[in-house]
Amino acid sequence: MKTEQTFNGQRPEEKVLEVVMKHPYILYPPALRVAVVVALAIGLMMYLPSWNMVAIIIIVVALIYLFRAIYCFKETILIITDQRLFIVQQKSFFRRKITEIDLYKILDMTSETKGFARTLLKYGDLIVRTAGSRDDGGLVIDNIPDPYSVEQRIANLEGMKK
C-alpha cells in the first residue's frame, strides 16, 4: 500500500508528485579524502607512537567531515508538487536553505551535465529561472540524477502550461 508523502508547509490541496535526492556518487570524493587521511593517521600511529593522540584527533575530525557529507546528502532534496517546487539544501550541520517556487513563476529551466563522471553516471544540475529572481543565474539544484528528465517532468506539469 503506497502512502502519500507530506512535508511541513504543504498546502491543503497540494500533492507531492516526486522527491528527488542528490546522486549518491557525490559521496565518493569526501569518502576517498577521509580514507586517505585515516590511512595516513594510522601510519602516523604505527611509525610515531608518541603522536597517537594527534592521530586519533585527526581520525575523529575526518569522520566528522564524512558524517557531515552524508548528513548534507540525505537532507538535501527537491520536492516536486502539483503547485510548486520545494528545494531544501542542507549546507552544513547548522545551515539550511529552503526555497519554494510556484510553478507559474518559472520562466526557464536548463539542465546541465558537465564532465566525464557526470556524463557517465548521468547526473548534473538543474537551473531554474523565475520571474522576479534576485540573481541572473537562476536557482541551481546541483548533482541530481538525470536532470533533463526532471526538467521535462516539471515542464509537463499542469501549472507550467499557459
N, C-alpha and C. Protein backbone atom coordinates (compact mmCIF):
# COMPACT_ATOMS: atom_id res chain seq x y z
N MET A 1 0.84 -1.18 0.00
CA MET A 1 0.00 0.00 0.00
C MET A 1 0.88 1.24 0.00
N LYS A 2 0.70 2.12 -0.95
CA LYS A 2 1.51 3.32 -1.07
C LYS A 2 0.86 4.46 -0.28
N THR A 3 1.66 5.09 0.58
CA THR A 3 1.14 6.21 1.34
C THR A 3 1.54 7.51 0.66
N GLU A 4 0.72 8.53 0.83
CA GLU A 4 1.01 9.82 0.24
C GLU A 4 2.06 10.55 1.06
N GLN A 5 3.02 11.16 0.38
CA GLN A 5 4.08 11.88 1.07
C GLN A 5 3.60 13.27 1.45
N THR A 6 4.07 13.74 2.60
CA THR A 6 3.74 15.09 3.06
C THR A 6 5.01 15.77 3.57
N PHE A 7 4.95 17.09 3.73
CA PHE A 7 6.07 17.84 4.27
C PHE A 7 5.53 19.07 4.99
N ASN A 8 6.33 19.65 5.87
CA ASN A 8 5.94 20.87 6.57
C ASN A 8 5.80 22.00 5.56
N GLY A 9 4.73 22.77 5.69
CA GLY A 9 4.49 23.88 4.77
C GLY A 9 3.68 23.48 3.56
N GLN A 10 3.21 22.25 3.52
CA GLN A 10 2.43 21.80 2.38
C GLN A 10 1.04 22.43 2.41
N ARG A 11 0.59 22.89 1.26
CA ARG A 11 -0.73 23.49 1.15
C ARG A 11 -1.81 22.42 1.22
N PRO A 12 -3.04 22.79 1.61
CA PRO A 12 -4.10 21.78 1.82
C PRO A 12 -4.40 20.91 0.60
N GLU A 13 -4.47 21.47 -0.59
CA GLU A 13 -4.82 20.68 -1.78
C GLU A 13 -3.61 20.25 -2.60
N GLU A 14 -2.43 20.46 -2.06
CA GLU A 14 -1.20 20.18 -2.80
C GLU A 14 -0.80 18.71 -2.67
N LYS A 15 -0.41 18.11 -3.79
CA LYS A 15 0.02 16.71 -3.80
C LYS A 15 1.49 16.62 -4.19
N VAL A 16 2.23 15.82 -3.45
CA VAL A 16 3.64 15.58 -3.77
C VAL A 16 3.68 14.59 -4.93
N LEU A 17 4.33 15.00 -6.02
CA LEU A 17 4.44 14.14 -7.19
C LEU A 17 5.74 13.35 -7.21
N GLU A 18 6.81 14.00 -6.74
CA GLU A 18 8.12 13.33 -6.79
C GLU A 18 9.07 13.98 -5.80
N VAL A 19 9.95 13.18 -5.24
CA VAL A 19 11.03 13.66 -4.38
C VAL A 19 12.34 13.24 -5.03
N VAL A 20 13.21 14.22 -5.29
CA VAL A 20 14.48 13.95 -5.96
C VAL A 20 15.60 14.25 -4.98
N MET A 21 16.48 13.27 -4.80
CA MET A 21 17.66 13.45 -3.94
C MET A 21 18.89 13.61 -4.82
N LYS A 22 19.97 14.02 -4.20
CA LYS A 22 21.24 14.15 -4.94
C LYS A 22 21.72 12.76 -5.37
N HIS A 23 22.57 12.75 -6.38
CA HIS A 23 23.13 11.49 -6.85
C HIS A 23 24.11 10.95 -5.81
N PRO A 24 24.06 9.66 -5.50
CA PRO A 24 24.94 9.11 -4.46
C PRO A 24 26.43 9.20 -4.77
N TYR A 25 26.79 9.37 -6.02
CA TYR A 25 28.21 9.46 -6.37
C TYR A 25 28.90 10.64 -5.70
N ILE A 26 28.15 11.68 -5.35
CA ILE A 26 28.79 12.86 -4.75
C ILE A 26 29.39 12.54 -3.38
N LEU A 27 29.06 11.39 -2.82
CA LEU A 27 29.68 10.98 -1.55
C LEU A 27 31.06 10.36 -1.76
N TYR A 28 31.39 10.00 -3.00
CA TYR A 28 32.66 9.34 -3.28
C TYR A 28 33.87 10.23 -2.97
N PRO A 29 33.94 11.48 -3.44
CA PRO A 29 35.13 12.30 -3.14
C PRO A 29 35.38 12.52 -1.64
N PRO A 30 34.35 12.86 -0.82
CA PRO A 30 34.65 13.01 0.60
C PRO A 30 35.05 11.68 1.25
N ALA A 31 34.45 10.58 0.81
CA ALA A 31 34.82 9.28 1.38
C ALA A 31 36.26 8.93 1.03
N LEU A 32 36.68 9.25 -0.18
CA LEU A 32 38.06 8.99 -0.59
C LEU A 32 39.03 9.85 0.21
N ARG A 33 38.69 11.13 0.41
CA ARG A 33 39.54 12.01 1.22
C ARG A 33 39.69 11.47 2.64
N VAL A 34 38.58 11.05 3.22
CA VAL A 34 38.61 10.53 4.59
C VAL A 34 39.44 9.25 4.65
N ALA A 35 39.30 8.38 3.68
CA ALA A 35 40.07 7.14 3.66
C ALA A 35 41.58 7.43 3.63
N VAL A 36 41.98 8.40 2.82
CA VAL A 36 43.40 8.76 2.72
C VAL A 36 43.88 9.35 4.04
N VAL A 37 43.12 10.26 4.62
CA VAL A 37 43.53 10.89 5.88
C VAL A 37 43.60 9.85 7.00
N VAL A 38 42.62 8.95 7.08
CA VAL A 38 42.64 7.92 8.12
C VAL A 38 43.83 6.99 7.92
N ALA A 39 44.12 6.63 6.67
CA ALA A 39 45.28 5.77 6.41
C ALA A 39 46.58 6.46 6.83
N LEU A 40 46.69 7.75 6.53
CA LEU A 40 47.89 8.49 6.95
C LEU A 40 47.97 8.58 8.48
N ALA A 41 46.82 8.78 9.13
CA ALA A 41 46.82 8.86 10.59
C ALA A 41 47.20 7.52 11.22
N ILE A 42 46.74 6.44 10.63
CA ILE A 42 47.11 5.10 11.13
C ILE A 42 48.61 4.87 10.92
N GLY A 43 49.12 5.30 9.77
CA GLY A 43 50.56 5.21 9.54
C GLY A 43 51.35 6.04 10.54
N LEU A 44 50.83 7.21 10.88
CA LEU A 44 51.46 8.05 11.89
C LEU A 44 51.49 7.34 13.24
N MET A 45 50.38 6.66 13.57
CA MET A 45 50.32 5.92 14.83
C MET A 45 51.32 4.77 14.86
N MET A 46 51.49 4.13 13.70
CA MET A 46 52.38 2.97 13.65
C MET A 46 53.85 3.37 13.74
N TYR A 47 54.23 4.47 13.05
CA TYR A 47 55.64 4.83 12.98
C TYR A 47 56.09 5.86 14.01
N LEU A 48 55.14 6.62 14.55
CA LEU A 48 55.46 7.59 15.60
C LEU A 48 54.47 7.42 16.75
N PRO A 49 54.68 6.41 17.60
CA PRO A 49 53.73 6.14 18.67
C PRO A 49 53.50 7.34 19.61
N SER A 50 54.45 8.24 19.71
CA SER A 50 54.26 9.39 20.58
C SER A 50 53.21 10.37 20.02
N TRP A 51 52.84 10.21 18.76
CA TRP A 51 51.85 11.07 18.12
C TRP A 51 50.45 10.42 18.07
N ASN A 52 50.22 9.40 18.88
CA ASN A 52 48.94 8.69 18.87
C ASN A 52 47.75 9.61 19.11
N MET A 53 47.88 10.52 20.06
CA MET A 53 46.75 11.41 20.37
C MET A 53 46.43 12.32 19.19
N VAL A 54 47.45 12.83 18.53
CA VAL A 54 47.24 13.68 17.35
C VAL A 54 46.56 12.87 16.24
N ALA A 55 47.02 11.64 16.05
CA ALA A 55 46.44 10.78 15.02
C ALA A 55 44.97 10.47 15.32
N ILE A 56 44.66 10.24 16.59
CA ILE A 56 43.26 9.97 16.97
C ILE A 56 42.40 11.20 16.71
N ILE A 57 42.90 12.37 17.03
CA ILE A 57 42.14 13.61 16.77
C ILE A 57 41.93 13.79 15.26
N ILE A 58 42.95 13.49 14.48
CA ILE A 58 42.82 13.60 13.02
C ILE A 58 41.75 12.64 12.51
N ILE A 59 41.73 11.42 13.03
CA ILE A 59 40.73 10.43 12.61
C ILE A 59 39.33 10.89 13.00
N VAL A 60 39.16 11.42 14.20
CA VAL A 60 37.85 11.89 14.65
C VAL A 60 37.36 13.04 13.78
N VAL A 61 38.24 13.99 13.48
CA VAL A 61 37.86 15.12 12.63
C VAL A 61 37.49 14.63 11.22
N ALA A 62 38.23 13.68 10.70
CA ALA A 62 37.94 13.13 9.37
C ALA A 62 36.58 12.44 9.36
N LEU A 63 36.27 11.70 10.41
CA LEU A 63 34.98 11.02 10.49
C LEU A 63 33.83 12.01 10.64
N ILE A 64 34.05 13.09 11.36
CA ILE A 64 33.03 14.15 11.46
C ILE A 64 32.79 14.77 10.08
N TYR A 65 33.86 14.99 9.34
CA TYR A 65 33.75 15.52 7.98
C TYR A 65 32.92 14.58 7.10
N LEU A 66 33.18 13.28 7.20
CA LEU A 66 32.41 12.30 6.42
C LEU A 66 30.96 12.27 6.86
N PHE A 67 30.71 12.31 8.16
CA PHE A 67 29.34 12.33 8.67
C PHE A 67 28.60 13.56 8.16
N ARG A 68 29.28 14.72 8.14
CA ARG A 68 28.67 15.95 7.64
C ARG A 68 28.28 15.79 6.17
N ALA A 69 29.15 15.20 5.36
CA ALA A 69 28.86 14.99 3.94
C ALA A 69 27.64 14.08 3.76
N ILE A 70 27.57 13.02 4.55
CA ILE A 70 26.43 12.09 4.46
C ILE A 70 25.15 12.79 4.91
N TYR A 71 25.23 13.55 6.01
CA TYR A 71 24.06 14.27 6.53
C TYR A 71 23.53 15.27 5.50
N CYS A 72 24.43 16.05 4.90
CA CYS A 72 24.01 17.02 3.88
C CYS A 72 23.42 16.32 2.66
N PHE A 73 23.98 15.18 2.29
CA PHE A 73 23.45 14.39 1.16
C PHE A 73 22.03 13.93 1.45
N LYS A 74 21.80 13.39 2.62
CA LYS A 74 20.49 12.84 2.94
C LYS A 74 19.42 13.91 3.17
N GLU A 75 19.82 15.08 3.62
CA GLU A 75 18.86 16.13 3.95
C GLU A 75 18.59 17.12 2.81
N THR A 76 19.33 17.03 1.72
CA THR A 76 19.12 17.92 0.58
C THR A 76 18.19 17.23 -0.41
N ILE A 77 17.01 17.85 -0.64
CA ILE A 77 16.02 17.23 -1.52
C ILE A 77 15.31 18.29 -2.36
N LEU A 78 14.76 17.84 -3.46
CA LEU A 78 13.88 18.63 -4.30
C LEU A 78 12.52 17.94 -4.27
N ILE A 79 11.51 18.67 -3.81
CA ILE A 79 10.15 18.13 -3.77
C ILE A 79 9.36 18.78 -4.90
N ILE A 80 8.82 17.97 -5.77
CA ILE A 80 8.01 18.46 -6.88
C ILE A 80 6.55 18.17 -6.55
N THR A 81 5.75 19.23 -6.46
CA THR A 81 4.32 19.06 -6.21
C THR A 81 3.55 19.51 -7.44
N ASP A 82 2.25 19.39 -7.38
CA ASP A 82 1.43 19.84 -8.50
C ASP A 82 1.29 21.36 -8.55
N GLN A 83 1.82 22.09 -7.53
CA GLN A 83 1.71 23.54 -7.49
C GLN A 83 3.06 24.27 -7.47
N ARG A 84 4.09 23.61 -6.96
CA ARG A 84 5.37 24.32 -6.79
C ARG A 84 6.54 23.35 -6.65
N LEU A 85 7.73 23.94 -6.69
CA LEU A 85 8.96 23.23 -6.36
C LEU A 85 9.36 23.66 -4.96
N PHE A 86 9.81 22.73 -4.19
CA PHE A 86 10.23 23.00 -2.81
C PHE A 86 11.62 22.42 -2.67
N ILE A 87 12.63 23.30 -2.53
CA ILE A 87 14.02 22.85 -2.51
C ILE A 87 14.59 23.05 -1.13
N VAL A 88 15.08 21.96 -0.53
CA VAL A 88 15.73 22.02 0.78
C VAL A 88 17.20 21.70 0.54
N GLN A 89 18.07 22.68 0.80
CA GLN A 89 19.50 22.49 0.61
C GLN A 89 20.19 22.56 1.96
N GLN A 90 20.67 21.42 2.43
CA GLN A 90 21.41 21.36 3.69
C GLN A 90 22.87 21.65 3.37
N LYS A 91 23.37 22.79 3.83
CA LYS A 91 24.72 23.24 3.51
C LYS A 91 25.76 22.69 4.50
N SER A 92 25.38 22.59 5.76
CA SER A 92 26.25 22.03 6.80
C SER A 92 25.34 21.61 7.96
N PHE A 93 25.94 21.27 9.09
CA PHE A 93 25.12 20.81 10.22
C PHE A 93 24.08 21.85 10.64
N PHE A 94 24.46 23.11 10.65
CA PHE A 94 23.59 24.15 11.18
C PHE A 94 23.25 25.22 10.15
N ARG A 95 23.25 24.85 8.89
CA ARG A 95 22.93 25.80 7.83
C ARG A 95 22.07 25.11 6.78
N ARG A 96 20.84 25.59 6.65
CA ARG A 96 19.89 25.01 5.71
C ARG A 96 19.22 26.14 4.94
N LYS A 97 19.05 25.94 3.65
CA LYS A 97 18.36 26.92 2.81
C LYS A 97 17.14 26.24 2.20
N ILE A 98 15.97 26.86 2.39
CA ILE A 98 14.73 26.31 1.85
C ILE A 98 14.16 27.33 0.86
N THR A 99 13.90 26.88 -0.35
CA THR A 99 13.37 27.74 -1.40
C THR A 99 12.12 27.09 -1.96
N GLU A 100 11.09 27.89 -2.15
CA GLU A 100 9.90 27.38 -2.82
C GLU A 100 9.58 28.26 -4.01
N ILE A 101 9.21 27.62 -5.09
CA ILE A 101 8.92 28.32 -6.34
C ILE A 101 7.57 27.84 -6.85
N ASP A 102 6.64 28.75 -7.02
CA ASP A 102 5.37 28.40 -7.65
C ASP A 102 5.62 28.08 -9.11
N LEU A 103 4.96 27.04 -9.62
CA LEU A 103 5.22 26.59 -10.99
C LEU A 103 4.92 27.68 -12.02
N TYR A 104 3.90 28.51 -11.76
CA TYR A 104 3.56 29.53 -12.75
C TYR A 104 4.60 30.65 -12.82
N LYS A 105 5.52 30.72 -11.84
CA LYS A 105 6.56 31.75 -11.86
C LYS A 105 7.82 31.30 -12.61
N ILE A 106 7.88 30.04 -12.98
CA ILE A 106 9.06 29.53 -13.67
C ILE A 106 9.07 30.04 -15.11
N LEU A 107 10.13 30.74 -15.47
CA LEU A 107 10.26 31.26 -16.83
C LEU A 107 11.05 30.31 -17.72
N ASP A 108 12.10 29.72 -17.15
CA ASP A 108 13.02 28.94 -17.96
C ASP A 108 13.73 27.92 -17.09
N MET A 109 14.03 26.76 -17.66
CA MET A 109 14.80 25.74 -16.96
C MET A 109 15.88 25.24 -17.90
N THR A 110 17.03 24.93 -17.32
CA THR A 110 18.15 24.39 -18.08
C THR A 110 18.73 23.22 -17.30
N SER A 111 19.02 22.13 -18.00
CA SER A 111 19.72 21.03 -17.36
C SER A 111 21.14 21.02 -17.90
N GLU A 112 22.08 20.73 -17.01
CA GLU A 112 23.49 20.77 -17.41
C GLU A 112 24.22 19.56 -16.84
N THR A 113 24.88 18.85 -17.73
CA THR A 113 25.75 17.74 -17.33
C THR A 113 27.12 18.03 -17.90
N LYS A 114 28.09 18.23 -17.00
CA LYS A 114 29.41 18.67 -17.44
C LYS A 114 30.46 17.79 -16.77
N GLY A 115 31.34 17.20 -17.55
CA GLY A 115 32.42 16.39 -17.01
C GLY A 115 32.24 14.92 -17.32
N PHE A 116 33.35 14.19 -17.23
CA PHE A 116 33.35 12.76 -17.58
C PHE A 116 32.48 11.94 -16.64
N ALA A 117 32.69 12.08 -15.31
CA ALA A 117 31.94 11.28 -14.34
C ALA A 117 30.45 11.60 -14.40
N ARG A 118 30.11 12.87 -14.51
CA ARG A 118 28.71 13.27 -14.57
C ARG A 118 28.02 12.70 -15.82
N THR A 119 28.72 12.75 -16.96
CA THR A 119 28.15 12.22 -18.19
C THR A 119 28.00 10.71 -18.11
N LEU A 120 29.02 10.04 -17.60
CA LEU A 120 28.99 8.59 -17.49
C LEU A 120 27.91 8.11 -16.53
N LEU A 121 27.76 8.79 -15.40
CA LEU A 121 26.80 8.37 -14.38
C LEU A 121 25.46 9.09 -14.48
N LYS A 122 25.30 9.93 -15.48
CA LYS A 122 24.04 10.61 -15.79
C LYS A 122 23.49 11.42 -14.63
N TYR A 123 24.31 12.36 -14.14
CA TYR A 123 23.80 13.30 -13.15
C TYR A 123 24.35 14.68 -13.46
N GLY A 124 23.67 15.70 -12.96
CA GLY A 124 24.08 17.06 -13.27
C GLY A 124 23.26 18.06 -12.50
N ASP A 125 23.15 19.26 -13.06
CA ASP A 125 22.47 20.37 -12.38
C ASP A 125 21.22 20.76 -13.14
N LEU A 126 20.24 21.25 -12.40
CA LEU A 126 19.03 21.83 -12.97
C LEU A 126 19.03 23.29 -12.57
N ILE A 127 18.94 24.17 -13.54
CA ILE A 127 18.94 25.61 -13.28
C ILE A 127 17.54 26.13 -13.59
N VAL A 128 16.91 26.75 -12.59
CA VAL A 128 15.54 27.25 -12.73
C VAL A 128 15.58 28.77 -12.62
N ARG A 129 15.05 29.44 -13.63
CA ARG A 129 14.96 30.90 -13.62
C ARG A 129 13.49 31.28 -13.42
N THR A 130 13.27 32.25 -12.55
CA THR A 130 11.90 32.65 -12.23
C THR A 130 11.70 34.14 -12.45
N ALA A 131 10.44 34.52 -12.50
CA ALA A 131 10.11 35.94 -12.58
C ALA A 131 10.45 36.59 -11.25
N GLY A 132 11.07 37.75 -11.31
CA GLY A 132 11.42 38.46 -10.09
C GLY A 132 12.58 37.86 -9.33
N SER A 133 13.40 37.09 -10.00
CA SER A 133 14.56 36.46 -9.37
C SER A 133 15.59 37.51 -8.98
N ARG A 134 16.21 37.32 -7.83
CA ARG A 134 17.22 38.27 -7.36
C ARG A 134 18.55 38.12 -8.09
N ASP A 135 18.81 36.94 -8.61
CA ASP A 135 20.08 36.73 -9.31
C ASP A 135 19.81 36.32 -10.76
N ASP A 136 20.71 36.69 -11.63
CA ASP A 136 20.53 36.42 -13.05
C ASP A 136 20.76 34.95 -13.41
N GLY A 137 21.58 34.26 -12.62
CA GLY A 137 21.93 32.89 -12.94
C GLY A 137 20.82 31.90 -12.67
N GLY A 138 19.87 32.25 -11.85
CA GLY A 138 18.78 31.34 -11.51
C GLY A 138 19.16 30.46 -10.33
N LEU A 139 18.23 29.66 -9.92
CA LEU A 139 18.42 28.75 -8.80
C LEU A 139 19.01 27.45 -9.32
N VAL A 140 20.14 27.05 -8.76
CA VAL A 140 20.82 25.84 -9.21
C VAL A 140 20.53 24.72 -8.23
N ILE A 141 19.94 23.64 -8.74
CA ILE A 141 19.73 22.43 -7.97
C ILE A 141 20.78 21.46 -8.48
N ASP A 142 21.83 21.27 -7.69
CA ASP A 142 23.01 20.58 -8.21
C ASP A 142 23.03 19.10 -7.88
N ASN A 143 23.75 18.37 -8.75
CA ASN A 143 24.06 16.95 -8.55
C ASN A 143 22.84 16.06 -8.42
N ILE A 144 21.83 16.26 -9.27
CA ILE A 144 20.67 15.39 -9.23
C ILE A 144 20.76 14.36 -10.36
N PRO A 145 20.21 13.17 -10.16
CA PRO A 145 20.23 12.17 -11.22
C PRO A 145 19.36 12.60 -12.40
N ASP A 146 19.85 12.42 -13.59
CA ASP A 146 19.15 12.68 -14.84
C ASP A 146 18.39 14.01 -14.83
N PRO A 147 19.12 15.13 -14.79
CA PRO A 147 18.45 16.43 -14.68
C PRO A 147 17.53 16.76 -15.85
N TYR A 148 17.82 16.23 -17.04
CA TYR A 148 16.96 16.53 -18.19
C TYR A 148 15.57 15.94 -18.00
N SER A 149 15.50 14.70 -17.50
CA SER A 149 14.17 14.09 -17.31
C SER A 149 13.41 14.79 -16.18
N VAL A 150 14.12 15.27 -15.15
CA VAL A 150 13.46 16.04 -14.09
C VAL A 150 12.92 17.34 -14.67
N GLU A 151 13.73 17.98 -15.51
CA GLU A 151 13.29 19.22 -16.16
C GLU A 151 12.03 18.97 -17.00
N GLN A 152 12.01 17.88 -17.74
CA GLN A 152 10.85 17.56 -18.58
C GLN A 152 9.60 17.26 -17.75
N ARG A 153 9.77 16.55 -16.64
CA ARG A 153 8.61 16.26 -15.78
C ARG A 153 8.03 17.54 -15.20
N ILE A 154 8.90 18.48 -14.80
CA ILE A 154 8.42 19.75 -14.26
C ILE A 154 7.73 20.55 -15.36
N ALA A 155 8.32 20.60 -16.55
CA ALA A 155 7.75 21.36 -17.66
C ALA A 155 6.38 20.82 -18.08
N ASN A 156 6.17 19.54 -17.90
CA ASN A 156 4.90 18.92 -18.34
C ASN A 156 3.79 19.02 -17.29
N LEU A 157 4.09 19.57 -16.14
CA LEU A 157 3.05 19.70 -15.13
C LEU A 157 1.98 20.69 -15.58
N GLU A 158 0.80 20.52 -15.09
CA GLU A 158 -0.33 21.35 -15.49
C GLU A 158 -0.08 22.83 -15.22
N GLY A 159 0.59 23.17 -14.13
CA GLY A 159 0.83 24.55 -13.78
C GLY A 159 1.76 25.28 -14.73
N MET A 160 2.58 24.53 -15.49
CA MET A 160 3.52 25.15 -16.41
C MET A 160 2.84 25.52 -17.74
N LYS A 161 1.73 24.87 -18.05
CA LYS A 161 1.06 25.13 -19.34
C LYS A 161 0.36 26.47 -19.27
N LYS A 162 0.54 27.26 -20.28
CA LYS A 162 -0.05 28.61 -20.26
C LYS A 162 -1.26 28.70 -21.12
